[in-house]
Amino acid sequence: MKKFRNQKGSSLVEICVSMLVLTTALLCIAAHAGVVIKQTTNDKNYSVASTLIQDKMEEMKQTSCRFHNVSSVVIEQPHARRKP
């Protein structure tokens, strides 16, 4: 076999190895893409749930404050008897 001093281009073995490395990298990226999409969906759902809970807690605070600020409410015992 002759060795050429000004060899240009790539050999078939080099091309196969580079294709193997590229294919492996792309498969790893594709595998992680599914995990990322699933996690993003879960995070969105948790965010929506958290916002709804915060809104409900604020609503309950406001309702509770309205009842505590009422000073003219008189609660009578139904079985309490007055002595004449």
C-alpha atoms as a PDB file:
ATOM      1  CA  MET A   1       0.000   0.000   0.000  1.00  0.00           C
ATOM      2  CA  LYS A   2       1.275   3.411  -0.894  1.00  0.00           C
ATOM      3  CA  LYS A   3       1.170   6.308   1.536  1.00  0.00           C
ATOM      4  CA  PHE A   4       0.234   9.624   0.014  1.00  0.00           C
ATOM      5  CA  ARG A   5       1.826  12.723   1.489  1.00  0.00           C
ATOM      6  CA  ASN A   6      -0.966  15.080   0.479  1.00  0.00           C
ATOM      7  CA  GLN A   7      -3.903  12.923   1.380  1.00  0.00           C
ATOM      8  CA  LYS A   8      -7.186  14.870   1.133  1.00  0.00           C
ATOM      9  CA  GLY A   9     -10.542  13.821   2.493  1.00  0.00           C
ATOM     10  CA  SER A  10     -11.572  11.213   5.076  1.00  0.00           C
ATOM     11  CA  SER A  11     -11.350   7.461   5.086  1.00  0.00           C
ATOM     12  CA  LEU A  12     -14.395   5.235   5.321  1.00  0.00           C
ATOM     13  CA  VAL A  13     -13.486   4.186   8.867  1.00  0.00           C
ATOM     14  CA  GLU A  14     -13.310   7.810  10.039  1.00  0.00           C
ATOM     15  CA  ILE A  15     -16.702   8.543   8.515  1.00  0.00           C
ATOM     16  CA  CYS A  16     -18.280   5.470  10.172  1.00  0.00           C
ATOM     17  CA  VAL A  17     -16.851   6.379  13.583  1.00  0.00           C
ATOM     18  CA  SER A  18     -18.060   9.966  13.312  1.00  0.00           C
ATOM     19  CA  MET A  19     -21.531   8.770  12.277  1.00  0.00           C
ATOM     20  CA  LEU A  20     -21.610   6.417  15.288  1.00  0.00           C
ATOM     21  CA  VAL A  21     -20.681   9.247  17.663  1.00  0.00           C
ATOM     22  CA  LEU A  22     -23.245  11.604  16.103  1.00  0.00           C
ATOM     23  CA  THR A  23     -25.995   8.959  16.234  1.00  0.00           C
ATOM     24  CA  THR A  24     -25.269   8.213  19.894  1.00  0.00           C
ATOM     25  CA  ALA A  25     -25.404  11.905  20.783  1.00  0.00           C
ATOM     26  CA  LEU A  26     -28.692  12.436  18.935  1.00  0.00           C
ATOM     27  CA  LEU A  27     -30.296   9.403  20.609  1.00  0.00           C
ATOM     28  CA  CYS A  28     -29.312  10.717  24.046  1.00  0.00           C
ATOM     29  CA  ILE A  29     -30.793  14.125  23.251  1.00  0.00           C
ATOM     30  CA  ALA A  30     -34.011  12.538  21.945  1.00  0.00           C
ATOM     31  CA  ALA A  31     -34.344  10.377  25.081  1.00  0.00           C
ATOM     32  CA  HIS A  32     -33.982  13.404  27.346  1.00  0.00           C
ATOM     33  CA  ALA A  33     -36.439  15.474  25.313  1.00  0.00           C
ATOM     34  CA  GLY A  34     -39.326  13.232  26.379  1.00  0.00           C
ATOM     35  CA  VAL A  35     -38.354  13.526  30.036  1.00  0.00           C
ATOM     36  CA  VAL A  36     -38.087  17.311  29.768  1.00  0.00           C
ATOM     37  CA  ILE A  37     -41.510  17.611  28.126  1.00  0.00           C
ATOM     38  CA  LYS A  38     -43.120  15.419  30.825  1.00  0.00           C
ATOM     39  CA  GLN A  39     -41.474  17.396  33.639  1.00  0.00           C
ATOM     40  CA  THR A  40     -42.521  20.711  32.074  1.00  0.00           C
ATOM     41  CA  THR A  41     -46.133  19.543  31.940  1.00  0.00           C
ATOM     42  CA  ASN A  42     -46.009  18.455  35.603  1.00  0.00           C
ATOM     43  CA  ASP A  43     -44.472  21.775  36.648  1.00  0.00           C
ATOM     44  CA  LYS A  44     -47.206  23.666  34.814  1.00  0.00           C
ATOM     45  CA  ASN A  45     -49.895  21.639  36.585  1.00  0.00           C
ATOM     46  CA  TYR A  46     -48.295  22.247  40.002  1.00  0.00           C
ATOM     47  CA  SER A  47     -48.069  25.960  39.242  1.00  0.00           C
ATOM     48  CA  VAL A  48     -51.755  26.173  38.317  1.00  0.00           C
ATOM     49  CA  ALA A  49     -52.742  24.198  41.423  1.00  0.00           C
ATOM     50  CA  SER A  50     -50.621  26.431  43.629  1.00  0.00           C
ATOM     51  CA  THR A  51     -52.190  29.566  42.177  1.00  0.00           C
ATOM     52  CA  LEU A  52     -55.705  28.194  42.702  1.00  0.00           C
ATOM     53  CA  ILE A  53     -54.908  27.299  46.317  1.00  0.00           C
ATOM     54  CA  GLN A  54     -53.476  30.757  46.989  1.00  0.00           C
ATOM     55  CA  ASP A  55     -56.557  32.411  45.494  1.00  0.00           C
ATOM     56  CA  LYS A  56     -58.864  30.244  47.618  1.00  0.00           C
ATOM     57  CA  MET A  57     -56.843  31.004  50.767  1.00  0.00           C
ATOM     58  CA  GLU A  58     -57.112  34.750  50.072  1.00  0.00           C
ATOM     59  CA  GLU A  59     -60.844  34.393  49.548  1.00  0.00           C
ATOM     60  CA  MET A  60     -61.173  32.536  52.845  1.00  0.00           C
ATOM     61  CA  LYS A  61     -59.112  35.197  54.648  1.00  0.00           C
ATOM     62  CA  GLN A  62     -61.349  37.950  53.317  1.00  0.00           C
ATOM     63  CA  THR A  63     -64.497  36.060  54.331  1.00  0.00           C
ATOM     64  CA  SER A  64     -63.083  35.390  57.786  1.00  0.00           C
ATOM     65  CA  CYS A  65     -62.129  39.057  58.261  1.00  0.00           C
ATOM     66  CA  ARG A  66     -65.638  40.177  57.375  1.00  0.00           C
ATOM     67  CA  PHE A  67     -67.143  37.972  60.090  1.00  0.00           C
ATOM     68  CA  HIS A  68     -64.615  38.996  62.745  1.00  0.00           C
ATOM     69  CA  ASN A  69     -65.220  42.698  62.172  1.00  0.00           C
ATOM     70  CA  VAL A  70     -68.951  42.479  62.850  1.00  0.00           C
ATOM     71  CA  SER A  71     -69.438  43.892  66.352  1.00  0.00           C
ATOM     72  CA  SER A  72     -73.224  44.034  66.577  1.00  0.00           C
ATOM     73  CA  VAL A  73     -73.845  40.304  66.405  1.00  0.00           C
ATOM     74  CA  VAL A  74     -75.350  38.917  69.594  1.00  0.00           C
ATOM     75  CA  ILE A  75     -75.541  35.203  70.009  1.00  0.00           C
ATOM     76  CA  GLU A  76     -78.117  33.926  72.479  1.00  0.00           C
ATOM     77  CA  GLN A  77     -78.272  30.482  73.879  1.00  0.00           C
ATOM     78  CA  PRO A  78     -81.506  28.786  72.761  1.00  0.00           C
ATOM     79  CA  HIS A  79     -82.035  27.031  76.123  1.00  0.00           C
ATOM     80  CA  ALA A  80     -80.996  29.863  78.363  1.00  0.00           C
ATOM     81  CA  ARG A  81     -83.777  31.005  80.673  1.00  0.00           C
ATOM     82  CA  ARG A  82     -84.086  34.388  82.283  1.00  0.00           C
ATOM     83  CA  LYS A  83     -85.001  34.599  85.902  1.00  0.00           C
ATOM     84  CA  PRO A  84     -87.849  37.045  86.623  1.00  0.00           C
END
